[in-house]
N, C-alpha and C. Protein backbone atom coordinates (compact mmCIF):
# COMPACT_ATOMS: atom_id res chain seq x y z
N MET A 1 -121.64 150.79 38.67
CA MET A 1 -121.39 151.72 39.75
C MET A 1 -121.34 150.94 41.06
N PRO A 2 -120.27 151.11 41.86
CA PRO A 2 -120.17 150.38 43.12
C PRO A 2 -121.26 150.80 44.10
N MET A 3 -121.70 149.85 44.90
CA MET A 3 -122.70 150.13 45.93
C MET A 3 -121.99 150.34 47.24
N PRO A 4 -122.19 151.49 47.89
CA PRO A 4 -121.50 151.75 49.16
C PRO A 4 -121.87 150.70 50.21
N ALA A 5 -120.86 150.31 50.99
CA ALA A 5 -121.10 149.32 52.03
C ALA A 5 -122.17 149.80 53.00
N ALA A 6 -122.17 151.09 53.29
CA ALA A 6 -123.16 151.64 54.23
C ALA A 6 -124.58 151.40 53.74
N ALA A 7 -124.80 151.48 52.44
CA ALA A 7 -126.14 151.25 51.89
C ALA A 7 -126.56 149.81 52.11
N ARG A 8 -125.64 148.87 51.91
CA ARG A 8 -125.96 147.45 52.13
C ARG A 8 -126.28 147.19 53.59
N PHE A 9 -125.47 147.73 54.48
CA PHE A 9 -125.70 147.48 55.90
C PHE A 9 -126.97 148.15 56.39
N ALA A 10 -127.29 149.33 55.88
CA ALA A 10 -128.54 150.00 56.26
C ALA A 10 -129.73 149.17 55.78
N ALA A 11 -129.64 148.65 54.57
CA ALA A 11 -130.74 147.84 54.03
C ALA A 11 -130.91 146.58 54.87
N ALA A 12 -129.82 145.95 55.23
CA ALA A 12 -129.91 144.72 56.02
C ALA A 12 -130.48 145.02 57.40
N ALA A 13 -130.09 146.13 57.98
CA ALA A 13 -130.60 146.48 59.31
C ALA A 13 -132.10 146.70 59.28
N SER A 14 -132.59 147.32 58.21
CA SER A 14 -134.03 147.57 58.13
C SER A 14 -134.80 146.29 57.88
N PHE A 15 -134.13 145.28 57.36
CA PHE A 15 -134.79 144.03 57.01
C PHE A 15 -134.83 143.07 58.18
N GLY A 16 -134.00 143.29 59.18
CA GLY A 16 -134.01 142.43 60.36
C GLY A 16 -132.64 141.84 60.63
N SER A 17 -132.41 141.48 61.85
CA SER A 17 -131.10 141.01 62.26
C SER A 17 -130.77 139.61 61.77
N LEU A 18 -131.73 138.90 61.20
CA LEU A 18 -131.46 137.54 60.73
C LEU A 18 -130.85 137.50 59.34
N VAL A 19 -130.73 138.64 58.70
CA VAL A 19 -130.18 138.69 57.35
C VAL A 19 -128.81 139.33 57.41
N TRP A 20 -127.82 138.69 56.81
CA TRP A 20 -126.48 139.22 56.77
C TRP A 20 -126.31 140.04 55.51
N ALA A 21 -125.73 141.20 55.66
CA ALA A 21 -125.53 142.06 54.50
C ALA A 21 -124.40 141.54 53.63
N GLY A 22 -123.42 140.91 54.22
CA GLY A 22 -122.30 140.43 53.45
C GLY A 22 -121.44 141.57 52.95
N PRO A 23 -120.43 141.28 52.19
CA PRO A 23 -119.56 142.34 51.70
C PRO A 23 -120.27 143.18 50.65
N ALA A 24 -119.88 144.42 50.55
CA ALA A 24 -120.46 145.28 49.52
C ALA A 24 -120.07 144.73 48.16
N SER A 25 -121.02 144.57 47.30
CA SER A 25 -120.78 144.08 45.95
C SER A 25 -120.21 145.21 45.11
N ALA A 26 -119.43 144.85 44.11
CA ALA A 26 -118.93 145.86 43.19
C ALA A 26 -120.06 146.38 42.31
N LEU A 27 -121.16 145.64 42.26
CA LEU A 27 -122.29 146.02 41.42
C LEU A 27 -123.58 145.98 42.21
N ASP A 28 -124.51 146.82 41.85
CA ASP A 28 -125.86 146.68 42.37
C ASP A 28 -126.82 146.38 41.22
N ASP A 29 -126.30 146.43 40.00
CA ASP A 29 -127.08 146.13 38.80
C ASP A 29 -126.39 144.99 38.08
N GLY A 30 -127.11 143.91 37.86
CA GLY A 30 -126.50 142.79 37.18
C GLY A 30 -127.32 141.53 37.37
N PHE A 31 -126.62 140.42 37.46
CA PHE A 31 -127.24 139.10 37.58
C PHE A 31 -127.13 138.64 39.03
N TRP A 32 -128.27 138.38 39.63
CA TRP A 32 -128.35 137.95 41.02
C TRP A 32 -128.69 136.47 41.07
N VAL A 33 -128.08 135.75 42.00
CA VAL A 33 -128.44 134.37 42.26
C VAL A 33 -129.44 134.41 43.42
N VAL A 34 -130.65 133.96 43.15
CA VAL A 34 -131.72 133.99 44.16
C VAL A 34 -131.72 132.65 44.89
N ALA A 35 -131.44 132.71 46.19
CA ALA A 35 -131.39 131.50 47.01
C ALA A 35 -132.70 131.25 47.74
N GLY A 36 -133.50 132.28 47.87
CA GLY A 36 -134.79 132.15 48.54
C GLY A 36 -135.69 133.30 48.20
N SER A 37 -136.96 133.00 48.03
CA SER A 37 -137.98 134.01 47.71
C SER A 37 -139.26 133.59 48.43
N PHE A 38 -139.69 134.42 49.38
CA PHE A 38 -140.78 134.03 50.28
C PHE A 38 -141.87 135.09 50.27
N ARG A 39 -143.11 134.67 50.02
CA ARG A 39 -144.25 135.60 49.90
C ARG A 39 -144.38 136.50 51.12
N ASN A 40 -144.52 137.77 50.86
CA ASN A 40 -144.74 138.78 51.88
C ASN A 40 -145.40 139.97 51.18
N PRO A 41 -146.67 139.80 50.78
CA PRO A 41 -147.34 140.75 49.89
C PRO A 41 -147.29 142.22 50.31
N ASP A 42 -147.43 142.50 51.59
CA ASP A 42 -147.43 143.90 52.01
C ASP A 42 -146.19 144.24 52.83
N TYR A 43 -145.20 143.35 52.83
CA TYR A 43 -143.95 143.52 53.56
C TYR A 43 -144.17 143.71 55.06
N ALA A 44 -145.28 143.22 55.57
CA ALA A 44 -145.59 143.37 56.99
C ALA A 44 -145.36 142.08 57.77
N ASP A 45 -145.13 140.97 57.07
CA ASP A 45 -145.00 139.67 57.73
C ASP A 45 -143.72 138.98 57.25
N THR A 46 -142.58 139.57 57.60
CA THR A 46 -141.29 139.06 57.16
C THR A 46 -141.12 137.60 57.58
N GLN A 47 -140.66 136.79 56.67
CA GLN A 47 -140.51 135.35 56.88
C GLN A 47 -139.14 135.03 57.50
N TYR A 48 -138.96 135.41 58.77
CA TYR A 48 -137.66 135.32 59.41
C TYR A 48 -137.07 133.91 59.42
N ALA A 49 -137.85 132.90 59.73
CA ALA A 49 -137.31 131.53 59.78
C ALA A 49 -136.82 131.09 58.40
N ALA A 50 -137.59 131.38 57.37
CA ALA A 50 -137.20 130.99 56.01
C ALA A 50 -135.96 131.76 55.56
N ILE A 51 -135.89 133.03 55.91
CA ILE A 51 -134.72 133.85 55.56
C ILE A 51 -133.47 133.31 56.25
N LYS A 52 -133.61 132.99 57.52
CA LYS A 52 -132.47 132.46 58.28
C LYS A 52 -132.00 131.13 57.68
N GLN A 53 -132.94 130.27 57.32
CA GLN A 53 -132.59 128.97 56.74
C GLN A 53 -131.90 129.14 55.39
N ALA A 54 -132.43 129.99 54.53
CA ALA A 54 -131.83 130.21 53.21
C ALA A 54 -130.45 130.85 53.35
N SER A 55 -130.31 131.81 54.25
CA SER A 55 -129.03 132.47 54.46
C SER A 55 -127.98 131.49 54.97
N ALA A 56 -128.37 130.61 55.88
CA ALA A 56 -127.45 129.60 56.40
C ALA A 56 -127.01 128.64 55.30
N ALA A 57 -127.92 128.27 54.42
CA ALA A 57 -127.59 127.38 53.30
C ALA A 57 -126.57 128.04 52.37
N VAL A 58 -126.77 129.31 52.10
CA VAL A 58 -125.82 130.05 51.24
C VAL A 58 -124.44 130.04 51.88
N LYS A 59 -124.37 130.32 53.16
CA LYS A 59 -123.08 130.35 53.86
C LYS A 59 -122.42 128.98 53.87
N ARG A 60 -123.21 127.90 53.98
CA ARG A 60 -122.64 126.54 53.94
C ARG A 60 -121.90 126.29 52.65
N CYS A 61 -122.33 126.91 51.58
CA CYS A 61 -121.66 126.73 50.28
C CYS A 61 -120.57 127.77 50.04
N GLY A 62 -120.24 128.55 51.07
CA GLY A 62 -119.11 129.47 50.97
C GLY A 62 -119.41 130.80 50.31
N LEU A 63 -120.67 131.15 50.18
CA LEU A 63 -121.04 132.43 49.58
C LEU A 63 -121.67 133.33 50.65
N GLU A 64 -121.75 134.62 50.36
CA GLU A 64 -122.32 135.58 51.31
C GLU A 64 -123.74 135.95 50.90
N PRO A 65 -124.72 135.67 51.76
CA PRO A 65 -126.11 136.02 51.44
C PRO A 65 -126.38 137.50 51.70
N PHE A 66 -127.33 138.02 50.96
CA PHE A 66 -127.84 139.38 51.17
C PHE A 66 -129.35 139.30 51.05
N GLY A 67 -130.06 139.91 51.97
CA GLY A 67 -131.51 139.84 51.93
C GLY A 67 -132.17 141.19 52.03
N ASP A 68 -133.30 141.30 51.38
CA ASP A 68 -134.11 142.51 51.46
C ASP A 68 -135.47 142.21 50.86
N PHE A 69 -136.29 143.22 50.76
CA PHE A 69 -137.60 143.07 50.13
C PHE A 69 -137.43 143.11 48.62
N SER A 70 -138.17 142.28 47.90
CA SER A 70 -138.05 142.22 46.44
C SER A 70 -138.40 143.54 45.78
N GLY A 71 -139.24 144.34 46.40
CA GLY A 71 -139.61 145.63 45.85
C GLY A 71 -138.46 146.62 45.77
N LYS A 72 -137.35 146.30 46.42
CA LYS A 72 -136.16 147.15 46.35
C LYS A 72 -135.23 146.76 45.21
N PHE A 73 -135.67 145.79 44.40
CA PHE A 73 -134.91 145.35 43.24
C PHE A 73 -135.71 145.64 41.98
N ALA A 74 -135.24 146.52 41.13
CA ALA A 74 -135.88 146.72 39.83
C ALA A 74 -135.69 145.44 39.04
N GLY A 75 -136.79 144.93 38.47
CA GLY A 75 -136.73 143.69 37.71
C GLY A 75 -137.21 142.47 38.49
N PHE A 76 -137.42 142.61 39.79
CA PHE A 76 -137.95 141.53 40.62
C PHE A 76 -139.44 141.78 40.85
N ALA A 77 -140.21 140.71 40.96
CA ALA A 77 -141.63 140.84 41.30
C ALA A 77 -141.75 141.36 42.73
N GLU A 78 -142.73 142.20 42.96
CA GLU A 78 -142.97 142.76 44.30
C GLU A 78 -143.63 141.73 45.21
N GLY A 79 -143.50 141.94 46.52
CA GLY A 79 -144.23 141.14 47.48
C GLY A 79 -143.52 139.91 48.01
N PHE A 80 -142.19 139.94 48.02
CA PHE A 80 -141.41 138.80 48.51
C PHE A 80 -140.27 139.28 49.40
N ASP A 81 -139.88 138.44 50.34
CA ASP A 81 -138.60 138.58 51.03
C ASP A 81 -137.64 137.75 50.19
N VAL A 82 -136.48 138.29 49.85
CA VAL A 82 -135.54 137.53 49.02
C VAL A 82 -134.18 137.44 49.70
N VAL A 83 -133.52 136.31 49.46
CA VAL A 83 -132.13 136.10 49.86
C VAL A 83 -131.37 135.87 48.57
N VAL A 84 -130.36 136.71 48.31
CA VAL A 84 -129.65 136.67 47.04
C VAL A 84 -128.14 136.66 47.27
N VAL A 85 -127.42 136.36 46.20
CA VAL A 85 -125.97 136.46 46.14
C VAL A 85 -125.66 137.27 44.89
N GLY A 86 -124.72 138.17 44.98
CA GLY A 86 -124.36 138.97 43.81
C GLY A 86 -124.34 140.44 44.14
N ALA A 87 -124.45 141.22 43.15
CA ALA A 87 -124.74 140.97 41.75
C ALA A 87 -123.45 140.68 40.97
N TYR A 88 -123.65 140.01 39.84
CA TYR A 88 -122.55 139.68 38.96
C TYR A 88 -122.72 140.42 37.64
N GLN A 89 -121.61 140.82 37.06
CA GLN A 89 -121.64 141.61 35.83
C GLN A 89 -122.18 140.82 34.65
N THR A 90 -121.86 139.53 34.59
CA THR A 90 -122.30 138.72 33.45
C THR A 90 -123.07 137.49 33.92
N ASP A 91 -123.87 136.97 33.02
CA ASP A 91 -124.59 135.73 33.31
C ASP A 91 -123.60 134.60 33.57
N ALA A 92 -122.49 134.58 32.85
CA ALA A 92 -121.48 133.53 33.03
C ALA A 92 -120.93 133.53 34.45
N GLU A 93 -120.66 134.71 35.00
CA GLU A 93 -120.18 134.81 36.38
C GLU A 93 -121.24 134.32 37.37
N ALA A 94 -122.48 134.69 37.11
CA ALA A 94 -123.58 134.25 37.97
C ALA A 94 -123.76 132.74 37.88
N GLN A 95 -123.56 132.17 36.71
CA GLN A 95 -123.67 130.71 36.54
C GLN A 95 -122.64 129.98 37.39
N ILE A 96 -121.45 130.54 37.52
CA ILE A 96 -120.41 129.94 38.35
C ILE A 96 -120.85 129.93 39.82
N ALA A 97 -121.39 131.07 40.28
CA ALA A 97 -121.89 131.14 41.65
C ALA A 97 -123.07 130.20 41.85
N LEU A 98 -123.95 130.12 40.86
CA LEU A 98 -125.10 129.22 40.94
C LEU A 98 -124.65 127.78 41.07
N ALA A 99 -123.65 127.38 40.29
CA ALA A 99 -123.14 126.00 40.37
C ALA A 99 -122.57 125.71 41.75
N LYS A 100 -121.92 126.70 42.35
CA LYS A 100 -121.37 126.54 43.70
C LYS A 100 -122.49 126.44 44.74
N LEU A 101 -123.58 127.14 44.51
CA LEU A 101 -124.69 127.20 45.46
C LEU A 101 -125.65 126.01 45.36
N LYS A 102 -125.80 125.44 44.18
CA LYS A 102 -126.81 124.39 43.94
C LYS A 102 -126.74 123.21 44.92
N PRO A 103 -125.55 122.73 45.34
CA PRO A 103 -125.55 121.62 46.31
C PRO A 103 -126.24 121.98 47.63
N CYS A 104 -126.23 123.24 48.00
CA CYS A 104 -126.85 123.69 49.26
C CYS A 104 -128.25 124.23 49.06
N VAL A 105 -128.52 124.78 47.89
CA VAL A 105 -129.83 125.38 47.58
C VAL A 105 -130.24 124.92 46.18
N PRO A 106 -130.78 123.71 46.06
CA PRO A 106 -131.10 123.15 44.74
C PRO A 106 -132.06 124.00 43.91
N GLN A 107 -132.94 124.76 44.55
CA GLN A 107 -133.93 125.55 43.83
C GLN A 107 -133.42 126.94 43.43
N ALA A 108 -132.16 127.27 43.72
CA ALA A 108 -131.61 128.59 43.38
C ALA A 108 -131.69 128.84 41.88
N PHE A 109 -131.81 130.11 41.53
CA PHE A 109 -131.90 130.50 40.12
C PHE A 109 -131.30 131.89 39.93
N ILE A 110 -131.11 132.29 38.68
CA ILE A 110 -130.53 133.59 38.35
C ILE A 110 -131.62 134.54 37.89
N LYS A 111 -131.51 135.79 38.36
CA LYS A 111 -132.48 136.83 37.99
C LYS A 111 -131.71 138.12 37.72
N ARG A 112 -132.03 138.75 36.61
CA ARG A 112 -131.42 140.05 36.27
C ARG A 112 -132.17 141.13 37.02
N GLY A 113 -131.44 142.06 37.62
CA GLY A 113 -132.10 143.14 38.33
C GLY A 113 -131.12 144.17 38.85
N CYS A 114 -131.69 145.22 39.43
CA CYS A 114 -130.90 146.31 39.98
C CYS A 114 -131.37 146.58 41.40
N TYR A 115 -130.44 146.51 42.35
CA TYR A 115 -130.78 146.80 43.75
C TYR A 115 -130.86 148.31 43.93
N LEU A 116 -132.00 148.78 44.39
CA LEU A 116 -132.24 150.22 44.53
C LEU A 116 -131.97 150.73 45.93
N GLY A 117 -131.85 149.85 46.90
CA GLY A 117 -131.58 150.26 48.27
C GLY A 117 -132.77 150.93 48.91
N GLU A 118 -132.47 151.80 49.85
CA GLU A 118 -133.53 152.47 50.61
C GLU A 118 -134.29 153.47 49.78
């Protein structure tokens, strides 16, 4: 099911101006490439500098970052600020994006999940 662009932009706005929503993905459920995951147990201390750095690294590799709280992703551990790319329908598609991202974000990895939005 496509995720409305308005939902992505609303989520990004609530997360802070340092996170780019990027284009609306065709999927909100699938394989996400995680470019950054930063502890924020009660979501009260957003890691703005880390988010900005991870988002800039994603853009350097030609991909669009999307950030939000991990608790808004079914399948992700709670208590983190995350910067992701995706979602992709298949693991193979996510692997292609991961290979493109690795030169800029060596610690990036793939995680299955569903973005729930607001």
